[in-house]
Amino acid sequence: MEKKNFAVIGYGGIGSGFHCRRAEKSDVLNLVGIYDVKPERREKARADGVFAYETMEALLSDPKIELVTVATPNNFHKDIVIAALEAGKHVVCEKPAALSSAELEEMIAASERTGKLFTVHQNRRWDTDKLRVADLCRNGRIGRIVSIESRVHGSRGIPGDWRRRKEQGGGMVLDWGVHLIDQAIMIFEGVKVTSVYARLDHITSQEVDDGCHIVLGFENGVFYTVEVGTNNYINLPRFYVRGTAGTAVIDDWNQPLRAVVKRSALEKDALPIRAESGLTKTMAPRDSDTVESFEVPVPESDVHDFYRNFCRAIDGKEPQIVTHEEMRRVMKLMETVFESAGKNQVIHTEI
């Protein structure tokens, strides 16, 4: 496939360190240039050997460019995406696509009006931990899934500057929650979320959430916990999955999935153990011959498949992976998270 001429608007950490750097070795993208509103970032791009347009209008009017990626602070996404679509470019937008469902609908309408493709960069669909949990849910190796806990923990507070500001779309729900919610609806693709309960942390920031604890209730009976923490000095596992016949855990990024499952053989009566000041059979460990363990190693995964898909979608060879309807679902769920946290109650819904 002939490479697509590609430009990036926003030369911050994600624009430069992710999109531009990966494009240098891409089999589907040819990086033409960048634009950033800050002169020092344009100079940094030139020092990096990347052409920098002096204005966004110059970038958007360049007929060579077919595809634009928007990697600016969140509050600028809508206007830039619509301008790029109306300039005849296909557009990838960093997550979250917008700050509200109303903004997102304007962006989708512009895509439909101009006939140009528009999607959001949900790159963490290619994370290997998510891929293994999704496969575990399909293959039944630990039985019917009862609950999933998905967590990302750090201890450095909210990164950067604009992510601390509400008006710019800061906070961890919009920064990391958007990824973990998208992973959840992909793991249970086509299954409605019927309830949402959320609590937001304000430990290091009163203006925006610096962490969140979200429980999504799926129509199939699974309770899916999404947790983001930026003040956690001991991390809980990245994934913890309970099934009717076993349990699986992924401790950290790029670690194997470990599972323990119950054998079909009957177990003899448990011997009591002493737990602190009392005896218990309930919490006694299982006999080793009644369970078995297995590991699932880290599989290969290439996040650049996101761009490969989008470029093929531009050519009409396959549908885009991250669809408008999926973008709508994630946006509505994040709005419901803020509603639940504000009311401190479970919100019943069908999303």
Protein backbone atom coordinates (compact mmCIF):
# COMPACT_ATOMS: atom_id res chain seq x y z
CA MET A 1 0.00 0.00 0.00
CA GLU A 2 1.27 3.46 -0.89
CA LYS A 3 2.13 5.47 2.20
CA LYS A 4 -0.25 8.23 3.30
CA ASN A 5 1.21 11.73 3.67
CA PHE A 6 0.66 12.56 7.29
CA ALA A 7 0.99 15.58 9.60
CA VAL A 8 0.65 16.13 13.34
CA ILE A 9 -0.91 19.13 15.05
CA GLY A 10 0.60 19.39 18.53
CA TYR A 11 4.27 18.61 19.14
CA GLY A 12 4.12 17.83 22.86
CA GLY A 13 4.98 14.51 24.44
CA ILE A 14 2.37 12.43 22.60
CA GLY A 15 2.62 14.25 19.27
CA SER A 16 6.40 14.12 19.10
CA GLY A 17 7.30 11.11 21.21
CA PHE A 18 4.59 8.77 19.96
CA HIS A 19 3.02 9.76 16.64
CA CYS A 20 6.03 11.36 14.93
CA ARG A 21 8.63 8.90 16.21
CA ARG A 22 6.59 5.87 15.17
CA ALA A 23 5.89 7.42 11.77
CA GLU A 24 9.64 7.52 11.09
CA LYS A 25 9.66 3.71 10.69
CA SER A 26 6.08 3.32 9.46
CA ASP A 27 5.14 1.15 6.51
CA VAL A 28 1.94 3.15 5.93
CA LEU A 29 2.75 6.76 6.91
CA ASN A 30 5.03 9.42 5.49
CA LEU A 31 5.55 12.27 7.96
CA VAL A 32 5.31 15.57 6.05
CA GLY A 33 5.42 17.97 8.99
CA ILE A 34 3.93 19.32 12.20
CA TYR A 35 2.38 22.45 13.62
CA ASP A 36 2.40 23.59 17.23
CA VAL A 37 1.08 26.88 18.57
CA LYS A 38 4.26 27.30 20.64
CA PRO A 39 7.25 28.65 18.63
CA GLU A 40 9.73 26.75 20.81
CA ARG A 41 8.09 23.45 19.91
CA ARG A 42 8.23 24.29 16.22
CA GLU A 43 11.94 24.98 16.68
CA LYS A 44 12.31 21.69 18.55
CA ALA A 45 10.70 19.87 15.63
CA ARG A 46 13.13 21.46 13.19
CA ALA A 47 16.02 20.47 15.46
CA ASP A 48 14.60 16.93 15.33
CA GLY A 49 14.66 17.04 11.53
CA VAL A 50 10.88 17.46 11.18
CA PHE A 51 9.40 20.19 8.99
CA ALA A 52 7.32 22.68 10.99
CA TYR A 53 4.57 24.81 9.46
CA GLU A 54 4.37 28.38 10.74
CA THR A 55 0.57 28.27 10.96
CA MET A 56 -2.12 25.63 11.26
CA GLU A 57 -3.76 27.11 8.17
CA ALA A 58 -0.59 26.47 6.17
CA LEU A 59 -0.60 22.83 7.26
CA LEU A 60 -4.28 22.33 6.48
CA SER A 61 -3.99 23.99 3.06
CA ASP A 62 -1.09 21.80 1.96
CA PRO A 63 -2.56 19.51 -0.73
CA LYS A 64 0.12 16.86 -0.10
CA ILE A 65 -1.33 16.00 3.32
CA GLU A 66 -4.01 13.30 3.37
CA LEU A 67 -4.14 12.47 7.08
CA VAL A 68 -3.86 14.70 10.14
CA THR A 69 -3.41 13.57 13.74
CA VAL A 70 -4.57 16.00 16.43
CA ALA A 71 -2.44 15.73 19.59
CA THR A 72 -3.30 18.96 21.42
CA PRO A 73 -4.80 19.51 24.88
CA ASN A 74 -8.32 18.10 25.02
CA ASN A 75 -10.26 21.37 24.89
CA PHE A 76 -8.88 22.17 21.42
CA HIS A 77 -9.83 18.83 19.83
CA LYS A 78 -13.27 19.72 18.50
CA ASP A 79 -12.38 22.91 16.61
CA ILE A 80 -9.17 21.53 15.12
CA VAL A 81 -10.75 18.22 14.07
CA ILE A 82 -13.63 20.00 12.34
CA ALA A 83 -11.25 22.44 10.61
CA ALA A 84 -9.09 19.55 9.37
CA LEU A 85 -12.10 17.60 8.08
CA GLU A 86 -13.42 20.68 6.29
CA ALA A 87 -9.96 21.15 4.75
CA GLY A 88 -10.36 17.73 3.15
CA LYS A 89 -8.16 15.73 5.50
CA HIS A 90 -8.86 12.42 7.19
CA VAL A 91 -8.40 12.83 10.93
CA VAL A 92 -7.11 10.84 13.90
CA CYS A 93 -7.74 12.57 17.22
CA GLU A 94 -6.00 11.80 20.48
CA LYS A 95 -8.23 10.56 23.29
CA PRO A 96 -10.62 11.65 24.59
CA ALA A 97 -12.07 12.69 21.26
CA ALA A 98 -14.08 15.47 22.91
CA LEU A 99 -15.16 16.91 26.23
CA SER A 100 -18.83 16.00 25.82
CA SER A 101 -21.22 13.97 23.71
CA ALA A 102 -22.50 17.21 22.17
CA GLU A 103 -18.99 18.11 20.96
CA LEU A 104 -18.43 14.60 19.66
CA GLU A 105 -21.66 14.72 17.63
CA GLU A 106 -20.46 17.94 15.96
CA MET A 107 -17.22 16.20 14.99
CA ILE A 108 -19.01 13.12 13.65
CA ALA A 109 -21.40 15.33 11.69
CA ALA A 110 -18.43 17.11 10.10
CA SER A 111 -16.94 13.74 9.12
CA GLU A 112 -20.21 12.66 7.50
CA ARG A 113 -20.70 16.05 5.81
CA THR A 114 -17.20 16.13 4.30
CA GLY A 115 -16.94 12.43 3.50
CA LYS A 116 -13.62 12.22 5.35
CA LEU A 117 -12.81 9.58 7.95
CA PHE A 118 -12.54 10.52 11.61
CA THR A 119 -11.49 8.32 14.52
CA VAL A 120 -9.94 8.48 17.98
CA HIS A 121 -6.56 7.03 18.91
CA GLN A 122 -7.55 4.20 21.26
CA ASN A 123 -4.08 2.68 21.07
CA ARG A 124 -4.48 0.64 24.28
CA ARG A 125 -6.71 -1.84 22.51
CA TRP A 126 -3.38 -3.37 21.49
CA ASP A 127 -2.02 -3.69 25.05
CA THR A 128 -1.04 -7.31 25.60
CA ASP A 129 -2.62 -7.51 29.07
CA LYS A 130 -6.01 -6.50 27.66
CA LEU A 131 -5.65 -8.97 24.77
CA ARG A 132 -4.99 -11.88 27.15
CA VAL A 133 -7.91 -11.02 29.41
CA ALA A 134 -10.22 -10.74 26.40
CA ASP A 135 -9.09 -14.19 25.22
CA LEU A 136 -9.59 -15.63 28.73
CA CYS A 137 -13.17 -14.33 28.73
CA ARG A 138 -13.83 -16.04 25.41
CA ASN A 139 -12.15 -19.41 25.97
CA GLY A 140 -13.76 -20.30 29.31
CA ARG A 141 -10.59 -21.64 30.91
CA ILE A 142 -11.59 -20.20 34.31
CA GLY A 143 -15.31 -20.73 33.78
CA ARG A 144 -17.94 -18.03 33.41
CA ILE A 145 -16.49 -14.63 34.23
CA VAL A 146 -17.85 -13.12 37.44
CA SER A 147 -15.79 -9.95 37.82
CA ILE A 148 -12.81 -8.12 36.37
CA GLU A 149 -10.64 -5.53 38.09
CA SER A 150 -8.53 -3.32 35.82
CA ARG A 151 -6.12 -0.91 37.48
CA VAL A 152 -3.33 1.49 36.64
CA HIS A 153 -1.47 2.92 39.61
CA GLY A 154 1.31 5.47 40.00
CA SER A 155 2.57 7.79 42.71
CA ARG A 156 3.66 10.92 40.83
CA GLY A 157 0.37 12.81 40.81
CA ILE A 158 -1.13 14.33 37.65
CA PRO A 159 1.52 14.71 34.92
CA GLY A 160 2.17 17.87 32.94
CA ASP A 161 0.38 21.17 33.21
CA TRP A 162 -2.88 21.31 31.25
CA ARG A 163 -3.99 17.94 32.65
CA ARG A 164 -4.43 19.72 35.98
CA ARG A 165 -6.94 22.21 34.55
CA LYS A 166 -10.64 21.50 34.30
CA GLU A 167 -11.24 23.92 31.42
CA GLN A 168 -8.69 22.06 29.32
CA GLY A 169 -10.19 18.64 29.97
CA GLY A 170 -7.77 17.55 32.66
CA GLY A 171 -8.14 14.78 35.21
CA MET A 172 -7.63 11.04 35.22
CA VAL A 173 -11.07 9.96 33.99
CA LEU A 174 -10.39 11.73 30.69
CA ASP A 175 -6.70 10.79 30.64
CA TRP A 176 -6.64 7.11 31.69
CA GLY A 177 -10.25 6.19 32.42
CA VAL A 178 -11.02 6.68 28.73
CA HIS A 179 -8.57 3.88 27.89
CA LEU A 180 -9.75 1.42 30.54
CA ILE A 181 -13.44 2.01 29.76
CA ASP A 182 -12.74 1.44 26.07
CA GLN A 183 -10.93 -1.81 26.93
CA ALA A 184 -13.91 -2.93 29.01
CA ILE A 185 -16.46 -2.45 26.24
CA MET A 186 -14.11 -4.20 23.81
CA ILE A 187 -13.67 -7.21 26.13
CA PHE A 188 -17.48 -7.48 26.34
CA GLU A 189 -18.19 -6.22 22.84
CA GLY A 190 -21.89 -5.77 22.16
CA VAL A 191 -22.89 -6.21 25.83
CA LYS A 192 -24.68 -3.22 27.35
CA VAL A 193 -23.54 -1.46 30.51
CA THR A 194 -26.60 -1.28 32.77
CA SER A 195 -25.15 0.43 35.85
CA VAL A 196 -22.32 2.80 36.74
CA TYR A 197 -21.01 3.74 40.17
CA ALA A 198 -18.02 6.04 40.55
CA ARG A 199 -15.92 7.78 43.18
CA LEU A 200 -13.31 10.37 42.23
CA ASP A 201 -10.11 11.13 44.13
CA HIS A 202 -8.97 14.68 44.90
CA ILE A 203 -5.83 13.94 46.89
CA THR A 204 -3.30 16.18 45.14
CA SER A 205 -5.74 18.29 43.12
CA GLN A 206 -9.03 19.92 44.02
CA GLU A 207 -9.70 21.19 40.50
CA VAL A 208 -9.72 17.86 38.64
CA ASP A 209 -9.82 14.22 39.66
CA ASP A 210 -6.38 12.70 40.27
CA GLY A 211 -7.83 9.19 40.47
CA CYS A 212 -11.07 7.30 40.05
CA HIS A 213 -12.80 4.10 41.16
CA ILE A 214 -15.53 3.01 38.73
CA VAL A 215 -17.73 -0.10 38.77
CA LEU A 216 -19.47 -0.92 35.50
CA GLY A 217 -22.31 -3.43 35.68
CA PHE A 218 -22.69 -5.31 32.40
CA GLU A 219 -25.92 -6.85 31.20
CA ASN A 220 -24.30 -10.31 31.33
CA GLY A 221 -23.89 -10.00 35.11
CA VAL A 222 -20.18 -9.14 35.15
CA PHE A 223 -19.04 -6.35 37.45
CA TYR A 224 -16.04 -4.60 35.91
CA THR A 225 -13.92 -2.35 38.13
CA VAL A 226 -11.87 0.44 36.55
CA GLU A 227 -9.42 2.14 38.88
CA VAL A 228 -6.86 4.85 38.20
CA GLY A 229 -4.59 6.10 40.96
CA THR A 230 -1.80 8.69 40.96
CA ASN A 231 -1.06 8.57 44.70
CA ASN A 232 -0.47 4.81 45.07
CA TYR A 233 2.94 3.86 46.45
CA ILE A 234 2.17 0.11 46.36
CA ASN A 235 0.41 -0.98 43.19
CA LEU A 236 -2.39 -3.53 43.03
CA PRO A 237 -2.39 -5.97 40.08
CA ARG A 238 -2.96 -4.59 36.60
CA PHE A 239 -5.78 -7.17 36.07
CA TYR A 240 -7.55 -9.50 38.51
CA VAL A 241 -10.19 -11.78 36.98
CA ARG A 242 -12.57 -14.11 38.83
CA GLY A 243 -14.41 -16.93 37.11
CA THR A 244 -16.69 -19.68 38.39
CA ALA A 245 -13.86 -22.20 38.09
CA GLY A 246 -10.73 -20.17 38.76
CA THR A 247 -8.89 -16.89 39.13
CA ALA A 248 -6.39 -15.11 36.91
CA VAL A 249 -4.03 -12.22 37.57
CA ILE A 250 -1.62 -10.03 35.61
CA ASP A 251 0.61 -8.29 38.11
CA ASP A 252 2.09 -5.54 35.97
CA TRP A 253 2.73 -4.33 32.44
CA ASN A 254 4.24 -7.01 30.19
CA GLN A 255 3.98 -9.72 32.87
CA PRO A 256 2.55 -13.20 32.20
CA LEU A 257 -1.06 -13.97 32.99
CA ARG A 258 -1.15 -16.46 35.88
CA ALA A 259 -4.23 -18.54 36.62
CA VAL A 260 -5.32 -21.16 39.13
CA VAL A 261 -8.32 -23.32 38.24
CA LYS A 262 -10.32 -25.95 40.09
CA ARG A 263 -10.00 -29.56 38.96
CA SER A 264 -13.15 -31.59 38.35
CA ALA A 265 -12.19 -34.07 41.10
CA LEU A 266 -14.08 -33.83 44.38
CA GLU A 267 -12.18 -32.35 47.29
CA LYS A 268 -12.05 -33.95 50.69
CA ASP A 269 -13.25 -31.97 53.67
CA ALA A 270 -10.97 -29.02 54.39
CA LEU A 271 -8.78 -29.09 57.48
CA PRO A 272 -9.21 -26.01 59.66
CA ILE A 273 -6.36 -23.52 59.83
CA ARG A 274 -5.61 -20.93 62.48
CA ALA A 275 -6.22 -17.44 61.20
CA GLU A 276 -4.94 -15.03 63.85
CA SER A 277 -7.16 -15.66 66.93
CA GLY A 278 -9.54 -18.25 65.49
CA LEU A 279 -9.94 -21.38 63.38
CA THR A 280 -11.48 -21.40 59.88
CA LYS A 281 -12.30 -23.96 57.24
CA THR A 282 -13.74 -21.33 54.90
CA MET A 283 -10.38 -19.66 54.27
CA ALA A 284 -8.26 -22.81 54.43
CA PRO A 285 -6.08 -23.27 51.32
CA ARG A 286 -7.07 -25.91 48.79
CA ASP A 287 -5.25 -29.20 48.58
CA SER A 288 -2.73 -29.08 45.73
CA ASP A 289 -4.36 -32.01 43.93
CA THR A 290 -7.66 -30.14 43.58
CA VAL A 291 -6.28 -27.21 41.56
CA GLU A 292 -3.98 -26.67 38.62
CA SER A 293 -2.10 -23.62 37.40
CA PHE A 294 -1.22 -22.26 34.01
CA GLU A 295 0.45 -19.19 32.54
CA VAL A 296 -0.23 -17.25 29.37
CA PRO A 297 2.97 -15.55 28.17
CA VAL A 298 3.06 -12.06 26.72
CA PRO A 299 1.94 -12.31 23.07
CA GLU A 300 3.18 -10.19 20.21
CA SER A 301 1.17 -7.06 19.52
CA ASP A 302 1.89 -4.06 17.28
CA VAL A 303 0.12 -0.83 18.18
CA HIS A 304 0.90 0.53 14.72
CA ASP A 305 -1.85 -1.76 13.45
CA PHE A 306 -4.12 1.15 14.45
CA TYR A 307 -2.65 3.28 11.66
CA ARG A 308 -2.45 0.36 9.26
CA ASN A 309 -6.17 -0.16 9.69
CA PHE A 310 -7.00 3.53 9.31
CA CYS A 311 -4.95 3.83 6.13
CA ARG A 312 -6.68 0.78 4.66
CA ALA A 313 -10.02 2.29 5.70
CA ILE A 314 -9.11 5.47 3.78
CA ASP A 315 -8.58 3.28 0.71
CA GLY A 316 -11.92 1.54 1.31
CA LYS A 317 -10.25 -1.83 1.91
CA GLU A 318 -11.64 -2.40 5.42
CA PRO A 319 -13.79 -0.61 8.02
CA GLN A 320 -12.07 1.54 10.61
CA ILE A 321 -11.49 -0.33 13.87
CA VAL A 322 -12.44 2.46 16.29
CA THR A 323 -15.96 3.32 15.16
CA HIS A 324 -18.10 6.37 15.80
CA GLU A 325 -20.55 4.28 17.83
CA GLU A 326 -17.74 3.02 20.09
CA MET A 327 -16.54 6.60 20.54
CA ARG A 328 -20.09 7.58 21.52
CA ARG A 329 -20.33 4.76 24.08
CA VAL A 330 -17.06 5.71 25.78
CA MET A 331 -18.05 9.38 25.90
CA LYS A 332 -21.48 8.59 27.37
CA LEU A 333 -19.93 6.29 29.97
CA MET A 334 -17.46 8.96 31.06
CA GLU A 335 -20.29 11.46 31.39
CA THR A 336 -22.18 8.91 33.49
CA VAL A 337 -19.09 8.44 35.67
CA PHE A 338 -19.07 12.18 36.46
CA GLU A 339 -22.84 12.08 37.10
CA SER A 340 -22.50 9.14 39.49
CA ALA A 341 -19.61 10.72 41.37
CA GLY A 342 -21.47 14.01 41.64
CA LYS A 343 -24.61 12.38 43.01
CA ASN A 344 -22.78 9.66 44.95
CA GLN A 345 -25.17 7.03 43.67
CA VAL A 346 -25.49 4.18 41.19
CA ILE A 347 -26.72 5.37 37.80
CA HIS A 348 -28.86 2.84 35.95
CA THR A 349 -28.47 3.07 32.22
CA GLU A 350 -28.30 1.16 28.94
CA ILE A 351 -25.10 2.15 27.17
